[in-house]
Amino acid sequence: MMKISPHFARSFVIELDSRNEFFEKLIIENKSSKEICKTIISYCDALKCAWPEVEDILLDKAESHEIINYAEIIKNRFTKGEKKIARSSAAIKSYLDFLDEAKVSATEKQEAVNNIEHHFLNHLDACQSDLSLWNGFDKMKGYQESNPSLSACQYCIDVKKTRWPEAESIIMKDSRAIYIYAKTILKDRWIEAEPYIIQTEPESDYGWHLYGYFCDIMNGYGKCPIRRWIEAEPYIMKFPKWAYQYSKKIMGGRWPEAEPYIAKSPEFAYEYAYTVVKGRWPQAEPYIAESPRLAYEYAKRIIKGRLPEEMHNRIMVFAMQNPNDPYIKKYFGYKKYRKEKTK
């Protein structure tokens, strides 16, 4: 006897007393359907047993979490599905956790680990030359597994909990993966990967894994004596924010080689003048003058009065273009500037 009842908005529950050959035939005939794997899983779940005749369909069409669902239904290791499970660390961890719950023997679990790790490494390696094999494959992946390098790193954190030398050449191809691997697995510098992370550009205005690697790992979160990273300096100096941070925190003063780069960023040119130079910085003034806000702050905190002629004239032009700008109003209402003006 078979009964199908509604379950939530877009799914159903199948209740069976025994296998239904007619229904099984309909399912198999409909194997081209996008929902075929869900239907098979629902049917097997109702039966609470394996359905060997459709396992090839699952291996061809199912995602890894559906393969794991099938293993959970049969309450045993699903060896044939382990190659497909070995596509993301999240799927692997979920499957191995299930094997623990199913109380498979230690020997059998180790065999599963060895099998999965072999397939996983092959998949990661294949994705290095063809990333289309990776993108969008598995719904279980999150930002931690947005590429093969990060997935391999996450596998070391969640499953191996130690180094994975065979995958390190893959891990070191992504700056975030290098940083995380060194921080969480090695807990020390990763000398072999440093040439790769050195040459990466900042990921955003707020983060750069190279700089995180330098501060957290090379300088031990501030616990170690501060030391320069000479090999990385030609790369760090090209990015104004990080060059400014490096000069302030590491150099402890001016960094002449980086100043041509810092000067071209109004924001960090101002910060560098205020906190590092601690006075006028003529080289950067044409760039600082591009921002009425920073020009006002420069006049107030560094010049402490009327801006140098070229900067002042630039503010005059801004005033004609946008007389309601609040910082232009502040500049021309600045007490020290008015005193200077009346002399």
Protein backbone atom coordinates (compact mmCIF):
# COMPACT_ATOMS: atom_id res chain seq x y z
CA MET A 1 0.00 0.00 0.00
CA MET A 2 1.30 3.48 -0.86
CA LYS A 3 0.14 6.82 0.49
CA ILE A 4 1.35 10.27 -0.56
CA SER A 5 0.54 13.15 1.77
CA PRO A 6 1.34 16.89 1.59
CA HIS A 7 4.38 18.05 3.55
CA PHE A 8 5.13 21.78 3.71
CA ALA A 9 4.61 23.87 0.58
CA ARG A 10 6.65 22.18 -2.14
CA SER A 11 7.36 18.65 -0.99
CA PHE A 12 5.60 15.50 0.05
CA VAL A 13 5.95 12.47 2.30
CA ILE A 14 5.63 8.97 0.91
CA GLU A 15 4.32 6.31 3.26
CA LEU A 16 4.85 2.69 2.19
CA ASP A 17 4.14 -0.70 3.65
CA SER A 18 6.38 -2.41 1.07
CA ARG A 19 8.15 -1.79 -2.21
CA ASN A 20 5.92 -0.75 -5.09
CA GLU A 21 7.17 -2.07 -8.41
CA PHE A 22 4.82 0.11 -10.47
CA PHE A 23 5.94 3.25 -8.68
CA GLU A 24 9.60 2.25 -9.01
CA LYS A 25 9.15 1.78 -12.75
CA LEU A 26 7.63 5.26 -13.07
CA ILE A 27 10.53 6.79 -11.13
CA ILE A 28 13.16 5.11 -13.30
CA GLU A 29 11.33 6.09 -16.51
CA ASN A 30 11.39 9.69 -15.29
CA LYS A 31 15.14 9.72 -14.60
CA SER A 32 15.70 12.81 -16.77
CA SER A 33 13.65 14.92 -14.35
CA LYS A 34 15.49 17.61 -12.38
CA GLU A 35 13.80 16.30 -9.23
CA ILE A 36 14.70 12.64 -9.80
CA CYS A 37 17.27 12.48 -6.99
CA LYS A 38 14.86 14.01 -4.47
CA THR A 39 12.20 11.52 -5.53
CA ILE A 40 14.58 8.58 -5.17
CA ILE A 41 15.73 9.80 -1.73
CA SER A 42 12.11 10.26 -0.60
CA TYR A 43 11.17 6.77 -1.80
CA CYS A 44 14.20 5.14 -0.16
CA ASP A 45 13.53 7.05 3.04
CA ALA A 46 9.99 5.69 3.07
CA LEU A 47 11.33 2.16 2.56
CA LYS A 48 14.17 2.64 5.08
CA CYS A 49 16.44 0.56 2.88
CA ALA A 50 18.73 0.66 -0.14
CA TRP A 51 17.52 0.64 -3.73
CA PRO A 52 20.53 -0.69 -5.68
CA GLU A 53 18.84 -0.39 -9.07
CA VAL A 54 18.91 3.43 -8.96
CA GLU A 55 22.29 4.00 -7.34
CA ASP A 56 23.88 4.70 -10.73
CA ILE A 57 21.33 7.48 -11.26
CA LEU A 58 22.31 9.01 -7.92
CA LEU A 59 26.00 8.74 -8.73
CA ASP A 60 25.38 10.52 -12.03
CA LYS A 61 22.97 13.25 -10.98
CA ALA A 62 22.97 13.71 -7.20
CA GLU A 63 24.85 16.37 -5.29
CA SER A 64 27.05 15.29 -2.43
CA HIS A 65 24.52 16.09 0.29
CA GLU A 66 22.00 13.80 -1.48
CA ILE A 67 24.59 11.03 -1.61
CA ILE A 68 25.07 11.50 2.14
CA ASN A 69 21.30 11.39 2.66
CA TYR A 70 21.21 8.04 0.88
CA ALA A 71 24.02 6.71 3.09
CA GLU A 72 22.07 7.84 6.15
CA ILE A 73 19.02 5.94 4.91
CA ILE A 74 20.92 2.69 4.38
CA LYS A 75 22.74 3.31 7.69
CA ASN A 76 26.05 2.20 6.31
CA ARG A 77 29.06 3.31 4.32
CA PHE A 78 28.16 4.06 0.69
CA THR A 79 31.50 3.28 -0.93
CA LYS A 80 30.41 3.95 -4.50
CA GLY A 81 29.33 7.47 -3.57
CA GLU A 82 32.54 8.49 -1.83
CA LYS A 83 34.14 9.81 -5.00
CA LYS A 84 31.31 12.29 -5.42
CA ILE A 85 31.29 13.20 -1.73
CA ALA A 86 34.98 14.07 -2.10
CA ARG A 87 34.26 17.44 -3.74
CA SER A 88 34.22 19.70 -0.69
CA SER A 89 35.50 19.55 2.86
CA ALA A 90 32.02 20.30 4.23
CA ALA A 91 30.59 17.24 2.48
CA ILE A 92 33.48 15.06 3.62
CA LYS A 93 33.12 16.15 7.24
CA SER A 94 29.37 15.56 7.16
CA TYR A 95 29.86 12.06 5.76
CA LEU A 96 32.58 11.12 8.25
CA ASP A 97 30.44 12.42 11.11
CA PHE A 98 27.66 10.15 9.85
CA LEU A 99 30.03 7.16 9.82
CA ASP A 100 30.78 7.87 13.47
CA GLU A 101 27.07 7.99 14.27
CA ALA A 102 26.52 4.76 12.30
CA LYS A 103 29.27 3.20 14.43
CA VAL A 104 31.21 1.72 11.54
CA SER A 105 34.41 0.01 12.60
CA ALA A 106 37.60 2.03 12.98
CA THR A 107 39.18 0.03 10.17
CA GLU A 108 36.28 0.70 7.80
CA LYS A 109 36.23 4.37 8.64
CA GLN A 110 39.96 4.68 7.98
CA GLU A 111 39.43 2.98 4.63
CA ALA A 112 36.73 5.54 3.87
CA VAL A 113 39.03 8.41 4.88
CA ASN A 114 41.85 7.10 2.67
CA ASN A 115 39.49 6.60 -0.27
CA ILE A 116 37.89 10.02 0.06
CA GLU A 117 41.19 11.83 0.54
CA HIS A 118 42.57 10.20 -2.61
CA HIS A 119 39.55 11.29 -4.66
CA PHE A 120 39.49 14.74 -3.05
CA LEU A 121 43.13 15.42 -3.88
CA ASN A 122 42.58 14.33 -7.49
CA HIS A 123 39.55 16.60 -7.76
CA LEU A 124 41.40 19.59 -6.28
CA ASP A 125 44.27 19.00 -8.67
CA ALA A 126 41.96 18.76 -11.69
CA CYS A 127 40.24 22.02 -10.70
CA GLN A 128 43.55 23.89 -10.81
CA SER A 129 43.53 23.61 -14.60
CA ASP A 130 39.74 23.76 -15.08
CA LEU A 131 37.93 25.79 -12.44
CA SER A 132 34.58 25.09 -14.13
CA LEU A 133 34.77 21.69 -12.42
CA TRP A 134 34.55 23.57 -9.12
CA ASN A 135 32.24 26.54 -9.59
CA GLY A 136 28.69 26.03 -8.44
CA PHE A 137 29.09 22.29 -7.95
CA ASP A 138 27.90 21.84 -4.42
CA LYS A 139 25.35 23.71 -2.32
CA MET A 140 27.24 22.75 0.84
CA LYS A 141 30.12 25.04 -0.05
CA GLY A 142 30.37 28.46 1.57
CA TYR A 143 32.92 31.24 1.41
CA GLN A 144 35.41 28.91 3.12
CA GLU A 145 35.35 26.77 -0.02
CA SER A 146 35.02 29.33 -2.77
CA ASN A 147 38.01 27.80 -4.52
CA PRO A 148 40.05 24.55 -4.34
CA SER A 149 42.83 26.10 -2.24
CA LEU A 150 40.43 27.23 0.48
CA SER A 151 38.61 23.90 0.42
CA ALA A 152 41.85 21.97 0.91
CA CYS A 153 42.75 24.30 3.77
CA GLN A 154 39.32 23.85 5.35
CA TYR A 155 39.70 20.08 5.09
CA CYS A 156 42.91 20.29 7.12
CA ILE A 157 41.12 22.35 9.77
CA ASP A 158 37.90 20.33 10.02
CA VAL A 159 39.03 16.78 9.24
CA LYS A 160 42.79 16.15 9.25
CA LYS A 161 43.60 18.69 11.97
CA THR A 162 47.19 18.59 10.82
CA ARG A 163 49.33 19.31 7.75
CA TRP A 164 48.46 17.83 4.38
CA PRO A 165 51.77 17.98 2.48
CA GLU A 166 50.29 16.48 -0.71
CA ALA A 167 47.86 19.42 -1.01
CA GLU A 168 50.17 22.27 0.00
CA SER A 169 51.06 23.15 -3.59
CA ILE A 170 47.32 23.72 -4.14
CA ILE A 171 46.76 25.63 -0.89
CA MET A 172 49.57 28.07 -1.59
CA LYS A 173 47.88 29.31 -4.77
CA ASP A 174 45.43 31.44 -2.77
CA SER A 175 46.49 34.20 -0.37
CA ARG A 176 43.63 33.65 2.09
CA ALA A 177 44.35 29.92 2.16
CA ILE A 178 48.05 30.57 2.82
CA TYR A 179 47.20 32.90 5.68
CA ILE A 180 44.63 30.55 7.26
CA TYR A 181 46.81 27.46 6.83
CA ALA A 182 49.84 29.12 8.40
CA LYS A 183 47.76 30.58 11.22
CA THR A 184 45.62 27.56 12.14
CA ILE A 185 47.60 24.51 11.02
CA LEU A 186 51.29 25.44 11.02
CA LYS A 187 50.98 28.11 13.72
CA ASP A 188 54.19 29.52 12.28
CA ARG A 189 55.68 31.02 9.13
CA TRP A 190 55.20 29.09 5.92
CA ILE A 191 58.44 29.96 4.18
CA GLU A 192 57.69 28.02 0.99
CA ALA A 193 54.43 29.93 0.44
CA GLU A 194 55.74 33.42 1.15
CA PRO A 195 56.85 34.15 -2.45
CA TYR A 196 53.22 33.55 -3.49
CA ILE A 197 51.52 35.64 -0.81
CA ILE A 198 54.01 38.49 -1.21
CA GLN A 199 52.93 39.12 -4.79
CA THR A 200 49.16 39.27 -4.10
CA GLU A 201 47.22 42.52 -4.15
CA PRO A 202 44.84 43.67 -1.38
CA GLU A 203 41.50 41.86 -1.41
CA SER A 204 39.64 45.02 -0.44
CA ASP A 205 40.07 48.43 1.15
CA TYR A 206 39.80 46.73 4.53
CA GLY A 207 41.74 43.51 4.20
CA TRP A 208 44.94 42.13 2.81
CA HIS A 209 45.98 38.62 3.72
CA LEU A 210 49.63 39.46 3.15
CA TYR A 211 49.44 42.15 5.80
CA GLY A 212 47.51 39.83 8.13
CA TYR A 213 50.17 37.16 7.61
CA PHE A 214 52.87 39.70 8.39
CA CYS A 215 51.24 41.09 11.55
CA ASP A 216 49.74 37.90 12.98
CA ILE A 217 52.28 35.27 12.05
CA MET A 218 55.62 36.95 11.48
CA ASN A 219 55.14 39.35 14.39
CA GLY A 220 53.10 37.03 16.61
CA TYR A 221 50.07 39.28 17.12
CA GLY A 222 52.35 41.92 18.58
CA LYS A 223 53.90 39.50 21.09
CA CYS A 224 57.18 39.22 19.20
CA PRO A 225 59.67 42.05 18.70
CA ILE A 226 58.53 44.03 15.68
CA ARG A 227 60.61 43.19 12.63
CA ARG A 228 60.55 44.34 9.04
CA TRP A 229 59.78 42.08 6.11
CA ILE A 230 62.35 43.31 3.62
CA GLU A 231 61.32 40.93 0.80
CA ALA A 232 57.70 42.18 0.90
CA GLU A 233 58.41 45.89 1.17
CA PRO A 234 58.62 46.55 -2.61
CA TYR A 235 55.05 45.21 -2.85
CA ILE A 236 53.64 46.77 0.33
CA MET A 237 54.85 50.25 -0.59
CA LYS A 238 52.71 50.29 -3.75
CA PHE A 239 49.43 50.36 -1.79
CA PRO A 240 48.98 53.64 0.12
CA LYS A 241 46.89 52.34 3.01
CA TRP A 242 49.23 49.49 3.78
CA ALA A 243 52.38 51.53 3.15
CA TYR A 244 51.07 54.08 5.65
CA GLN A 245 50.27 51.36 8.21
CA TYR A 246 53.67 49.75 7.71
CA SER A 247 55.56 53.01 8.11
CA LYS A 248 53.59 53.91 11.23
CA LYS A 249 53.62 50.53 12.99
CA ILE A 250 56.76 48.86 11.70
CA MET A 251 59.13 51.61 10.58
CA GLY A 252 58.14 53.83 13.47
CA GLY A 253 58.73 56.83 11.26
CA ARG A 254 58.98 58.01 7.67
CA TRP A 255 59.44 55.53 4.84
CA PRO A 256 60.99 57.59 2.04
CA GLU A 257 60.81 54.85 -0.61
CA ALA A 258 57.04 54.53 -0.12
CA GLU A 259 56.23 58.24 0.03
CA PRO A 260 55.64 58.70 -3.73
CA TYR A 261 52.90 56.06 -3.51
CA ILE A 262 51.37 57.29 -0.24
CA ALA A 263 51.31 60.89 -1.45
CA LYS A 264 48.94 60.08 -4.32
CA SER A 265 46.17 58.96 -1.96
CA PRO A 266 44.56 62.06 -0.37
CA GLU A 267 43.27 60.13 2.65
CA PHE A 268 46.48 58.34 3.55
CA ALA A 269 48.67 61.24 2.51
CA TYR A 270 46.86 63.32 5.14
CA GLU A 271 47.13 60.53 7.76
CA TYR A 272 50.83 60.10 6.97
CA ALA A 273 51.46 63.84 7.29
CA TYR A 274 49.54 64.04 10.56
CA THR A 275 50.78 60.91 12.34
CA VAL A 276 54.15 60.11 10.75
CA VAL A 277 55.63 63.32 9.32
CA LYS A 278 53.92 65.32 12.10
CA GLY A 279 54.03 68.47 10.04
CA ARG A 280 53.76 69.89 6.53
CA TRP A 281 54.34 67.47 3.71
CA PRO A 282 54.65 69.62 0.56
CA GLN A 283 55.03 66.57 -1.72
CA ALA A 284 51.49 65.45 -0.87
CA GLU A 285 49.72 68.81 -0.70
CA PRO A 286 48.46 68.82 -4.33
CA TYR A 287 46.77 65.48 -3.65
CA ILE A 288 45.39 66.38 -0.20
CA ALA A 289 43.88 69.49 -1.80
CA GLU A 290 41.67 67.26 -3.97
CA SER A 291 39.42 66.74 -0.93
CA PRO A 292 37.84 69.76 0.81
CA ARG A 293 37.44 67.70 3.98
CA LEU A 294 41.08 66.66 4.12
CA ALA A 295 42.28 70.11 3.08
CA TYR A 296 40.30 71.59 5.98
CA GLU A 297 41.75 69.03 8.42
CA TYR A 298 45.23 69.74 7.03
CA ALA A 299 44.74 73.47 7.64
CA LYS A 300 43.33 72.94 11.13
CA ARG A 301 45.64 70.25 12.51
CA ILE A 302 48.89 70.56 10.59
CA ILE A 303 49.21 74.09 9.15
CA LYS A 304 47.13 75.53 12.01
CA GLY A 305 46.05 78.39 9.81
CA ARG A 306 45.71 79.46 6.19
CA LEU A 307 46.68 76.79 3.68
CA PRO A 308 49.72 77.25 1.41
CA GLU A 309 48.86 79.36 -1.64
CA GLU A 310 48.36 76.52 -4.13
CA MET A 311 46.10 74.56 -1.76
CA HIS A 312 44.20 77.71 -0.79
CA ASN A 313 43.55 78.54 -4.44
CA ARG A 314 42.25 75.02 -5.02
CA ILE A 315 39.78 75.48 -2.14
CA MET A 316 38.70 78.80 -3.72
CA VAL A 317 37.88 76.93 -6.92
CA PHE A 318 35.92 74.33 -4.95
CA ALA A 319 34.06 77.16 -3.21
CA MET A 320 32.95 78.58 -6.57
CA GLN A 321 31.83 75.14 -7.76
CA ASN A 322 30.12 74.04 -4.55
CA PRO A 323 29.72 76.91 -2.08
CA ASN A 324 27.54 74.81 0.23
CA ASP A 325 30.16 72.16 0.91
CA PRO A 326 30.34 71.97 4.75
CA TYR A 327 34.14 71.74 4.83
CA ILE A 328 34.59 74.70 2.54
CA LYS A 329 32.35 76.66 4.88
CA LYS A 330 34.38 75.44 7.85
CA TYR A 331 37.65 76.41 6.19
CA PHE A 332 36.58 79.95 5.40
CA GLY A 333 35.04 80.27 8.84
CA TYR A 334 38.15 78.98 10.56
CA LYS A 335 39.21 81.50 13.23
CA LYS A 336 42.93 81.21 12.64
CA TYR A 337 42.40 81.68 8.90
CA ARG A 338 40.32 84.85 9.53
CA LYS A 339 43.09 86.26 11.73
CA GLU A 340 45.61 85.50 9.02
CA LYS A 341 43.36 87.15 6.43
CA THR A 342 43.00 90.43 8.32
CA LYS A 343 46.74 90.96 8.73
